[in-house]
Amino acid sequence: MKALFTLFIATAWLTPSLAYAQASHHSVVHDTKTLPSEILGGERNYAIYLPPSYQTSQRSYPVLYLLHGGGDDQTGWVQFGEVQHIADKAIANGTATPMVIVMPDANTGRRGYFNDIRGGWNYEDFFFKEFIPYIEKNYRVKSDKRYRAVAGLSMGGGGSFMYALHHPEVFSSACPLSASTGPLNLDDAKRRYNRPRRNEPDVKVEPVADEKIDEYLQQHSALKLVENLPADDIKSVRWYIDCGDDDFLYEGNSLVHIAMRKREIPHEYRVRDGGHRWSYWRSALPTVLSFVSESFHQN
């Protein structure tokens, strides 16, 4: 009887400790974090997912930069993409390695992940010169190419293409989903870059010279970059491209796939049943996490 009482007391003391340990061993998502930007002239928002072991370890983690689509902000992947639930499940079942997932806001002030053709809004410069260094300074993330990946949907899929093609030395893998691949020709580019801004429809936009548009097109069309960049640079990134069979952006993604095939650039290309919607991107995210984890692992 005394032994049973002793066991009961020991269990009573241990149970709160175990409960606390379990409660503290959860992932964390912050979706209203900010950082200052001199390049963009103000505060910028971002969201961040910290894996379950982050709070209880001192290790450094690989990092995935996960980009939202047009009309969303840094909360898109948190609220609609269910990133916390999906990442927690993938890490728990071993299909993804524990990683930090960073989601920047590219919908405040101006919309988009690129430097503006007219200057004055250089988001890509901000991303590489301020944002990545800030994340690497303030969070325990690895700073080697091998441990960085980029993925995104729609507008963010376009950002994933551009960032990995412009900076293949930075990312080990890239996963554009239902990507906006950029104008397919010069006429398309003229219409796109000379139209009023979505959030400033009444502001008169001065026409951009054809030569400047063509120069910009060569640097901001995924198809042009895949056709013209050194093949070895493109091959240094592992590619996973996914676009639904009912998606209105199917043509650009198909042409990029064909261009990569012609140049013998290894990549995974998926066309699944679905359109341009969150249900499609949520279903893609577990595969994305598994794919980038293969780059992070020691093979």
Protein backbone atom coordinates (compact mmCIF):
# COMPACT_ATOMS: atom_id res chain seq x y z
CA MET A 1 0.00 0.00 0.00
CA LYS A 2 2.84 2.35 0.85
CA ALA A 3 4.47 1.59 -2.51
CA LEU A 4 1.23 2.42 -4.35
CA PHE A 5 0.92 5.70 -2.45
CA THR A 6 4.53 6.58 -3.31
CA LEU A 7 3.85 5.79 -6.99
CA PHE A 8 0.71 7.97 -6.91
CA ILE A 9 2.64 10.91 -5.44
CA ALA A 10 5.44 10.52 -7.99
CA THR A 11 2.91 10.41 -10.82
CA ALA A 12 1.12 13.47 -9.48
CA TRP A 13 4.40 15.38 -9.49
CA LEU A 14 5.43 14.15 -12.95
CA THR A 15 2.13 14.63 -14.76
CA PRO A 16 2.11 18.46 -14.67
CA SER A 17 5.74 18.46 -15.83
CA LEU A 18 4.94 16.13 -18.72
CA ALA A 19 1.88 18.18 -19.61
CA TYR A 20 3.96 21.34 -19.60
CA ALA A 21 6.66 19.74 -21.75
CA GLN A 22 4.08 18.55 -24.25
CA ALA A 23 2.30 21.92 -24.28
CA SER A 24 5.56 23.76 -24.92
CA HIS A 25 6.54 21.38 -27.73
CA HIS A 26 4.19 22.80 -30.36
CA SER A 27 4.81 24.75 -33.51
CA VAL A 28 4.25 28.50 -33.42
CA VAL A 29 2.95 30.80 -36.13
CA HIS A 30 3.29 34.58 -35.91
CA ASP A 31 1.39 36.31 -38.70
CA THR A 32 1.82 39.99 -37.80
CA LYS A 33 5.59 40.38 -37.49
CA THR A 34 7.27 43.47 -38.97
CA LEU A 35 10.70 44.67 -40.00
CA PRO A 36 11.95 48.08 -41.15
CA SER A 37 12.92 48.58 -44.80
CA GLU A 38 15.01 51.47 -46.06
CA ILE A 39 14.63 50.22 -49.64
CA LEU A 40 10.82 50.30 -49.54
CA GLY A 41 10.62 53.18 -47.09
CA GLY A 42 8.66 51.80 -44.15
CA GLU A 43 7.64 48.79 -42.11
CA ARG A 44 7.07 45.48 -43.89
CA ASN A 45 4.91 42.63 -42.61
CA TYR A 46 5.71 38.95 -42.59
CA ALA A 47 4.46 35.73 -41.04
CA ILE A 48 6.65 32.91 -39.76
CA TYR A 49 6.15 29.26 -38.86
CA LEU A 50 8.50 27.84 -36.22
CA PRO A 51 8.53 24.01 -36.05
CA PRO A 52 7.62 22.13 -32.85
CA SER A 53 11.22 21.61 -31.72
CA TYR A 54 12.25 25.25 -32.24
CA GLN A 55 11.25 26.38 -28.74
CA THR A 56 13.04 23.54 -26.96
CA SER A 57 16.29 23.27 -28.90
CA GLN A 58 19.23 25.42 -29.88
CA ARG A 59 19.71 23.94 -33.34
CA SER A 60 19.51 25.90 -36.58
CA TYR A 61 16.91 24.98 -39.17
CA PRO A 62 16.54 24.99 -42.94
CA VAL A 63 14.20 27.66 -44.23
CA LEU A 64 11.45 27.79 -46.83
CA TYR A 65 10.34 31.18 -48.15
CA LEU A 66 6.66 30.67 -49.03
CA LEU A 67 5.12 33.38 -51.21
CA HIS A 68 1.43 34.32 -51.37
CA GLY A 69 -0.62 35.17 -54.45
CA GLY A 70 -2.09 38.42 -55.72
CA GLY A 71 -4.75 39.87 -53.42
CA ASP A 72 -3.47 38.03 -50.36
CA ASP A 73 -0.79 39.07 -47.91
CA GLN A 74 1.49 37.32 -45.43
CA THR A 75 -1.53 35.75 -43.73
CA GLY A 76 -2.76 33.94 -46.85
CA TRP A 77 -0.82 30.73 -46.36
CA VAL A 78 -1.63 30.82 -42.64
CA GLN A 79 -5.37 31.38 -42.92
CA PHE A 80 -6.32 29.73 -46.22
CA GLY A 81 -3.32 27.49 -46.85
CA GLU A 82 -3.42 25.93 -43.37
CA VAL A 83 0.37 25.92 -43.31
CA GLN A 84 0.66 25.19 -39.59
CA HIS A 85 -1.57 22.12 -39.67
CA ILE A 86 -0.02 20.76 -42.88
CA ALA A 87 3.59 21.37 -41.80
CA ASP A 88 3.00 19.92 -38.33
CA LYS A 89 1.52 16.77 -39.84
CA ALA A 90 4.32 16.38 -42.41
CA ILE A 91 7.02 16.82 -39.78
CA ALA A 92 5.27 14.43 -37.37
CA ASN A 93 4.93 11.65 -39.94
CA GLY A 94 8.47 12.11 -41.23
CA THR A 95 7.66 13.22 -44.78
CA ALA A 96 9.19 16.65 -44.12
CA THR A 97 12.16 17.71 -42.04
CA PRO A 98 11.61 20.35 -39.34
CA MET A 99 12.01 23.73 -41.01
CA VAL A 100 11.24 27.40 -40.54
CA ILE A 101 8.70 28.73 -43.05
CA VAL A 102 8.75 32.47 -43.77
CA MET A 103 5.88 34.25 -45.54
CA PRO A 104 6.51 37.87 -46.60
CA ASP A 105 3.86 40.45 -47.51
CA ALA A 106 4.03 41.62 -51.13
CA ASN A 107 0.63 43.34 -51.23
CA THR A 108 1.18 46.54 -49.23
CA GLY A 109 2.05 49.76 -51.02
CA ARG A 110 2.54 48.04 -54.36
CA ARG A 111 1.65 44.50 -55.35
CA GLY A 112 4.32 42.11 -56.55
CA TYR A 113 7.69 40.53 -55.82
CA PHE A 114 9.75 42.30 -58.50
CA ASN A 115 11.48 45.63 -58.89
CA ASP A 116 9.05 47.98 -60.64
CA ILE A 117 9.76 48.69 -64.31
CA ARG A 118 9.56 52.44 -63.61
CA GLY A 119 11.78 52.30 -60.54
CA GLY A 120 10.91 53.56 -57.08
CA TRP A 121 9.59 50.25 -55.76
CA ASN A 122 12.34 47.68 -55.62
CA TYR A 123 10.78 44.73 -53.82
CA GLU A 124 13.26 42.15 -55.10
CA ASP A 125 16.13 44.27 -53.80
CA PHE A 126 14.36 44.44 -50.43
CA PHE A 127 13.87 40.67 -50.38
CA PHE A 128 17.51 39.78 -50.97
CA LYS A 129 19.31 42.73 -49.37
CA GLU A 130 17.11 43.28 -46.30
CA PHE A 131 14.57 40.53 -45.76
CA ILE A 132 16.70 37.38 -45.99
CA PRO A 133 19.52 38.94 -43.92
CA TYR A 134 16.96 40.02 -41.30
CA ILE A 135 15.51 36.51 -41.04
CA GLU A 136 18.96 34.95 -40.79
CA LYS A 137 19.99 37.40 -38.08
CA ASN A 138 16.86 37.10 -35.95
CA TYR A 139 15.98 33.41 -36.26
CA ARG A 140 17.99 30.22 -36.03
CA VAL A 141 18.03 29.37 -39.72
CA LYS A 142 20.90 28.00 -41.78
CA SER A 143 22.42 30.44 -44.24
CA ASP A 144 23.81 28.04 -46.86
CA LYS A 145 22.18 27.67 -50.30
CA ARG A 146 21.54 24.02 -49.58
CA TYR A 147 19.25 24.89 -46.66
CA ARG A 148 17.15 27.57 -48.42
CA ALA A 149 14.13 26.94 -50.61
CA VAL A 150 11.45 29.08 -52.20
CA ALA A 151 7.87 28.23 -53.16
CA GLY A 152 4.70 30.12 -53.87
CA LEU A 153 1.34 30.21 -55.61
CA SER A 154 0.14 32.27 -58.56
CA MET A 155 1.88 35.65 -58.23
CA GLY A 156 4.08 33.98 -55.62
CA GLY A 157 4.74 31.15 -58.06
CA GLY A 158 6.06 33.81 -60.42
CA GLY A 159 8.18 35.14 -57.58
CA SER A 160 9.51 31.63 -56.97
CA PHE A 161 10.52 31.31 -60.62
CA MET A 162 12.15 34.75 -60.72
CA TYR A 163 13.99 34.53 -57.42
CA ALA A 164 15.49 31.11 -58.15
CA LEU A 165 16.35 32.04 -61.75
CA HIS A 166 17.81 35.43 -60.83
CA HIS A 167 19.65 34.01 -57.81
CA PRO A 168 20.38 30.31 -58.35
CA GLU A 169 23.24 30.64 -55.87
CA VAL A 170 20.75 31.33 -53.07
CA PHE A 171 18.20 28.49 -53.28
CA SER A 172 18.60 24.73 -53.39
CA SER A 173 15.05 24.15 -54.62
CA ALA A 174 12.10 26.07 -56.03
CA CYS A 175 8.44 25.06 -56.20
CA PRO A 176 6.22 27.34 -58.32
CA LEU A 177 2.54 26.43 -57.98
CA SER A 178 0.02 27.66 -60.58
CA ALA A 179 2.66 30.24 -61.38
CA SER A 180 2.24 33.51 -63.16
CA THR A 181 5.20 33.05 -65.50
CA GLY A 182 5.23 36.58 -66.92
CA PRO A 183 4.30 37.95 -70.36
CA LEU A 184 4.70 35.44 -73.19
CA ASN A 185 5.67 38.04 -75.81
CA LEU A 186 6.38 41.75 -76.28
CA ASP A 187 2.81 42.72 -77.14
CA ASP A 188 1.56 41.03 -73.98
CA ALA A 189 4.26 42.85 -72.00
CA LYS A 190 3.28 46.24 -73.45
CA ARG A 191 -0.33 45.75 -72.37
CA ARG A 192 0.69 44.59 -68.91
CA TYR A 193 3.25 47.24 -68.04
CA ASN A 194 1.36 50.21 -69.45
CA ARG A 195 -1.97 49.54 -67.73
CA PRO A 196 -3.02 51.44 -64.56
CA ARG A 197 -2.01 49.95 -61.24
CA ARG A 198 -4.72 47.91 -59.56
CA ASN A 199 -4.65 49.90 -56.34
CA GLU A 200 -4.25 53.27 -58.12
CA PRO A 201 -6.69 53.09 -61.08
CA ASP A 202 -7.05 56.88 -61.34
CA VAL A 203 -3.32 57.60 -61.46
CA LYS A 204 -2.12 58.30 -64.99
CA VAL A 205 0.63 55.92 -66.02
CA GLU A 206 3.22 57.29 -68.43
CA PRO A 207 3.92 54.82 -71.26
CA VAL A 208 7.18 52.91 -71.04
CA ALA A 209 9.39 52.79 -74.14
CA ASP A 210 9.25 49.56 -76.12
CA GLU A 211 12.98 49.00 -75.70
CA LYS A 212 12.73 49.21 -71.93
CA ILE A 213 9.73 46.89 -71.89
CA ASP A 214 11.60 44.34 -74.00
CA GLU A 215 14.63 44.54 -71.71
CA TYR A 216 12.39 44.09 -68.65
CA LEU A 217 10.58 41.19 -70.34
CA GLN A 218 13.84 39.32 -70.89
CA GLN A 219 14.53 39.50 -67.14
CA HIS A 220 11.00 38.87 -65.84
CA SER A 221 9.63 36.15 -68.07
CA ALA A 222 10.26 32.67 -66.70
CA LEU A 223 10.17 31.32 -70.25
CA LYS A 224 12.77 33.80 -71.56
CA LEU A 225 15.06 33.15 -68.61
CA VAL A 226 14.81 29.36 -68.97
CA GLU A 227 15.57 29.69 -72.67
CA ASN A 228 18.53 32.04 -72.27
CA LEU A 229 20.26 31.63 -68.91
CA PRO A 230 23.26 29.29 -68.63
CA ALA A 231 21.84 25.79 -68.28
CA ASP A 232 24.21 24.92 -65.45
CA ASP A 233 22.83 27.79 -63.37
CA ILE A 234 19.26 26.57 -63.81
CA LYS A 235 20.32 22.97 -63.11
CA SER A 236 21.85 24.01 -59.79
CA VAL A 237 18.29 24.42 -58.47
CA ARG A 238 15.91 21.48 -57.95
CA TRP A 239 12.58 22.30 -59.60
CA TYR A 240 9.03 21.22 -58.76
CA ILE A 241 6.41 22.83 -61.02
CA ASP A 242 2.69 22.15 -60.44
CA CYS A 243 -0.30 23.64 -62.28
CA GLY A 244 -3.87 22.34 -62.48
CA ASP A 245 -5.45 21.16 -65.72
CA ASP A 246 -8.22 23.76 -65.34
CA ASP A 247 -5.93 26.64 -64.39
CA PHE A 248 -5.96 29.73 -66.61
CA LEU A 249 -2.16 29.96 -66.21
CA TYR A 250 -1.57 26.51 -67.73
CA GLU A 251 0.01 27.83 -70.95
CA GLY A 252 2.99 29.61 -69.41
CA ASN A 253 3.74 26.71 -67.08
CA SER A 254 3.51 24.22 -69.96
CA LEU A 255 5.87 26.30 -72.10
CA VAL A 256 8.41 26.55 -69.28
CA HIS A 257 8.22 22.77 -68.85
CA ILE A 258 8.81 22.25 -72.59
CA ALA A 259 11.72 24.71 -72.59
CA MET A 260 13.33 22.86 -69.68
CA ARG A 261 12.87 19.54 -71.48
CA LYS A 262 14.49 20.92 -74.63
CA ARG A 263 17.51 22.08 -72.62
CA GLU A 264 17.63 18.84 -70.62
CA ILE A 265 17.12 20.65 -67.31
CA PRO A 266 15.95 18.17 -64.65
CA HIS A 267 12.65 19.10 -63.05
CA GLU A 268 9.41 17.63 -61.74
CA TYR A 269 6.31 18.78 -63.59
CA ARG A 270 2.82 17.97 -62.37
CA VAL A 271 -0.56 18.60 -63.95
CA ARG A 272 -3.28 17.53 -61.54
CA ASP A 273 -7.04 17.83 -61.57
CA GLY A 274 -8.00 21.29 -60.37
CA GLY A 275 -8.06 25.01 -60.97
CA HIS A 276 -6.73 28.24 -59.54
CA ARG A 277 -7.95 27.82 -55.98
CA TRP A 278 -6.84 27.20 -52.41
CA SER A 279 -8.00 23.59 -52.35
CA TYR A 280 -5.44 22.88 -55.08
CA TRP A 281 -2.58 24.67 -53.30
CA ARG A 282 -3.36 23.08 -49.94
CA SER A 283 -3.18 19.67 -51.59
CA ALA A 284 0.17 20.62 -53.16
CA LEU A 285 1.83 21.84 -49.97
CA PRO A 286 2.64 18.42 -48.42
CA THR A 287 4.49 17.43 -51.60
CA VAL A 288 6.31 20.77 -51.64
CA LEU A 289 7.48 20.25 -48.05
CA SER A 290 8.66 16.74 -48.89
CA PHE A 291 10.42 17.93 -52.06
CA VAL A 292 12.38 20.73 -50.39
CA SER A 293 13.25 18.41 -47.51
CA GLU A 294 15.08 16.16 -49.96
CA SER A 295 17.38 19.10 -50.71
CA PHE A 296 17.89 19.80 -47.02
CA HIS A 297 18.85 16.22 -46.17
CA GLN A 298 22.31 14.71 -46.39
CA ASN A 299 22.14 12.15 -49.22
